[in-house]
Structure formats: C-alpha cells, structure tokens
Amino acid sequence: MTKRVLIAEDEESIVASLQFLMRQCGFETRVARDGDEAIASLSQFRPDLVLLDIMLPGRSGFEVCRFIRGEARFEDVRILMLTAKGGAADESRSREAGVDDYLSKPFATRELVARARALLGVASQ
C-alpha cells in the first residue's frame, strides 16, 4: 500500500520541492497551505506522515500538531515539523506538542527523505 504524505506548507517553492521529493520516493501527496486546510485534509486524505511547517497562516503548526495528537483516530500519524526558525525553544515547543521529528530549514534533501522514510518504516531504495 502506498504511503501518504500531507505537506502543510505555505511557501510555493518549498511545496514544489517537497512534493517532488516525496513523489520520487513513491509516496502519494496532498498539500495544505494553511493550518485549517491541514486539519480538514486529515480526515479526507488520511496521511501516514505530515510534513508540518510551524509558521502557517491561520492555525500554526503547533496548533495542528496538538489537534492531531488530541484525536485517537490519528494516533498512528507521524509528524515531521519543519521550521525556518530552528531555535531550541521552537524545537522544545514542537516536542511538547507531540512531533515525532524536527528539521530546520534549509535542510538537506537526503536528510529529509531519510527521516521521512524512518518515520514511515520504509526502507531506502
């Protein structure tokens, strides 16, 4: 079964890059450009992994993460938080919100792919 990745990101250049990378890995993708759209997409798309930007319009990545972790039906959804800030405080807040992993922008594409595969339990090709 194909793994599904929800990309919650509002910067078009990053969206394009993430979609390309995830599709190259054989994952099905959907994009949400703000926090509310990300939450709506959870039920419609049912992702295995969410690539979640902290700074989203509307609801922040922290709020989206807390929503996911507060819903038993999404307990198996993995969350990889992406941020341009990269400070220790943001990483700490992300961990408290329930993320599975955390990556600062700019990130190496190999690193992102390796972490996504690890979270999904998918071997490298």
Protein backbone atom coordinates (compact mmCIF):
# COMPACT_ATOMS: atom_id res chain seq x y z
CA MET A 1 0.00 0.00 0.00
CA THR A 2 1.32 3.44 -0.94
CA LYS A 3 2.18 5.68 1.99
CA ARG A 4 0.50 9.09 2.08
CA VAL A 5 2.22 12.36 2.96
CA LEU A 6 0.40 15.58 3.77
CA ILE A 7 2.58 18.63 3.10
CA ALA A 8 1.41 21.53 5.28
CA GLU A 9 3.45 24.43 3.93
CA ASP A 10 2.60 27.87 2.56
CA GLU A 11 5.78 28.73 0.61
CA GLU A 12 5.25 27.63 -3.00
CA SER A 13 8.92 26.92 -3.74
CA ILE A 14 9.15 24.64 -0.70
CA VAL A 15 5.83 22.96 -1.57
CA ALA A 16 7.10 22.17 -5.07
CA SER A 17 10.37 20.77 -3.73
CA LEU A 18 8.68 18.65 -1.04
CA GLN A 19 6.09 17.28 -3.47
CA PHE A 20 8.80 16.34 -5.94
CA LEU A 21 10.90 14.61 -3.28
CA MET A 22 8.02 12.69 -1.73
CA ARG A 23 6.68 11.57 -5.11
CA GLN A 24 10.18 10.44 -6.14
CA CYS A 25 10.09 8.21 -3.05
CA GLY A 26 6.81 6.69 -4.24
CA PHE A 27 4.57 8.46 -1.72
CA GLU A 28 1.14 9.88 -2.54
CA THR A 29 0.99 13.56 -1.60
CA ARG A 30 -1.52 16.26 -0.81
CA VAL A 31 -0.80 19.91 0.01
CA ALA A 32 -2.39 22.12 2.64
CA ARG A 33 -1.37 25.78 2.53
CA ASP A 34 -2.67 26.79 5.96
CA GLY A 35 -3.45 25.23 9.31
CA ASP A 36 -7.20 24.93 8.79
CA GLU A 37 -6.71 23.23 5.43
CA ALA A 38 -4.24 20.84 7.06
CA ILE A 39 -6.79 19.84 9.69
CA ALA A 40 -9.52 19.40 7.05
CA SER A 41 -7.17 17.26 4.94
CA LEU A 42 -6.51 14.84 7.79
CA SER A 43 -9.92 13.19 7.52
CA GLN A 44 -10.24 13.48 3.74
CA PHE A 45 -6.75 12.26 2.82
CA ARG A 46 -5.76 10.25 5.93
CA PRO A 47 -1.96 10.70 5.73
CA ASP A 48 0.65 8.40 7.23
CA LEU A 49 3.04 11.35 7.63
CA VAL A 50 2.55 15.10 7.93
CA LEU A 51 5.39 17.42 6.91
CA LEU A 52 4.32 20.37 9.03
CA ASP A 53 5.63 23.93 8.87
CA ILE A 54 5.48 25.81 12.19
CA MET A 55 4.59 29.15 10.63
CA LEU A 56 1.35 28.53 8.73
CA PRO A 57 -1.41 31.07 8.07
CA GLY A 58 -4.43 30.61 10.34
CA ARG A 59 -3.57 27.85 12.79
CA SER A 60 0.11 27.37 13.48
CA GLY A 61 1.95 24.10 13.07
CA PHE A 62 1.92 23.78 16.87
CA GLU A 63 -1.89 24.01 16.88
CA VAL A 64 -2.21 21.49 14.04
CA CYS A 65 0.15 19.12 15.85
CA ARG A 66 -1.81 19.38 19.11
CA PHE A 67 -5.04 18.72 17.17
CA ILE A 68 -3.59 15.57 15.61
CA ARG A 69 -2.27 14.30 18.95
CA GLY A 70 -5.63 15.01 20.60
CA GLU A 71 -7.50 12.73 18.20
CA ALA A 72 -7.27 8.99 18.86
CA ARG A 73 -8.13 8.24 15.21
CA PHE A 74 -4.85 9.89 14.18
CA GLU A 75 -2.63 8.20 16.76
CA ASP A 76 -0.60 6.41 14.08
CA VAL A 77 0.03 9.57 12.00
CA ARG A 78 3.70 10.58 12.16
CA ILE A 79 4.62 14.27 12.25
CA LEU A 80 7.85 15.82 10.99
CA MET A 81 7.98 19.51 11.94
CA LEU A 82 9.79 21.82 9.53
CA THR A 83 10.85 25.32 10.54
CA ALA A 84 12.89 28.24 9.29
CA LYS A 85 13.45 29.44 12.84
CA GLY A 86 15.45 26.48 14.12
CA GLY A 87 15.88 27.67 17.69
CA ALA A 88 15.98 25.45 20.76
CA ALA A 89 12.73 26.99 22.04
CA ASP A 90 10.86 26.04 18.84
CA GLU A 91 12.23 22.51 18.96
CA SER A 92 11.18 22.21 22.60
CA ARG A 93 7.67 23.54 21.83
CA SER A 94 7.44 21.13 18.89
CA ARG A 95 8.38 18.16 21.06
CA GLU A 96 5.88 19.24 23.72
CA ALA A 97 3.17 19.46 21.03
CA GLY A 98 3.92 15.84 20.09
CA VAL A 99 6.04 15.84 16.94
CA ASP A 100 7.93 12.68 16.04
CA ASP A 101 10.85 14.53 14.47
CA TYR A 102 12.05 18.08 13.84
CA LEU A 103 14.07 19.56 10.99
CA SER A 104 15.32 23.12 10.47
CA LYS A 105 15.18 24.86 7.08
CA PRO A 106 17.16 24.90 4.96
CA PHE A 107 17.52 21.15 5.12
CA ALA A 108 19.43 18.67 3.01
CA THR A 109 17.04 16.73 0.79
CA ARG A 110 18.73 13.43 1.68
CA GLU A 111 18.20 14.16 5.37
CA LEU A 112 14.51 14.91 4.87
CA VAL A 113 13.98 11.78 2.79
CA ALA A 114 15.88 9.62 5.31
CA ARG A 115 13.84 10.96 8.21
CA ALA A 116 10.53 10.59 6.36
CA ARG A 117 11.34 7.00 5.45
CA ALA A 118 12.42 6.22 9.01
CA LEU A 119 9.17 7.61 10.42
CA LEU A 120 7.16 5.59 7.90
CA GLY A 121 9.18 2.40 8.36
CA VAL A 122 10.07 2.37 4.67
CA ALA A 123 13.47 1.07 3.54
CA SER A 124 15.70 3.15 1.29
CA GLN A 125 15.56 2.28 -2.38
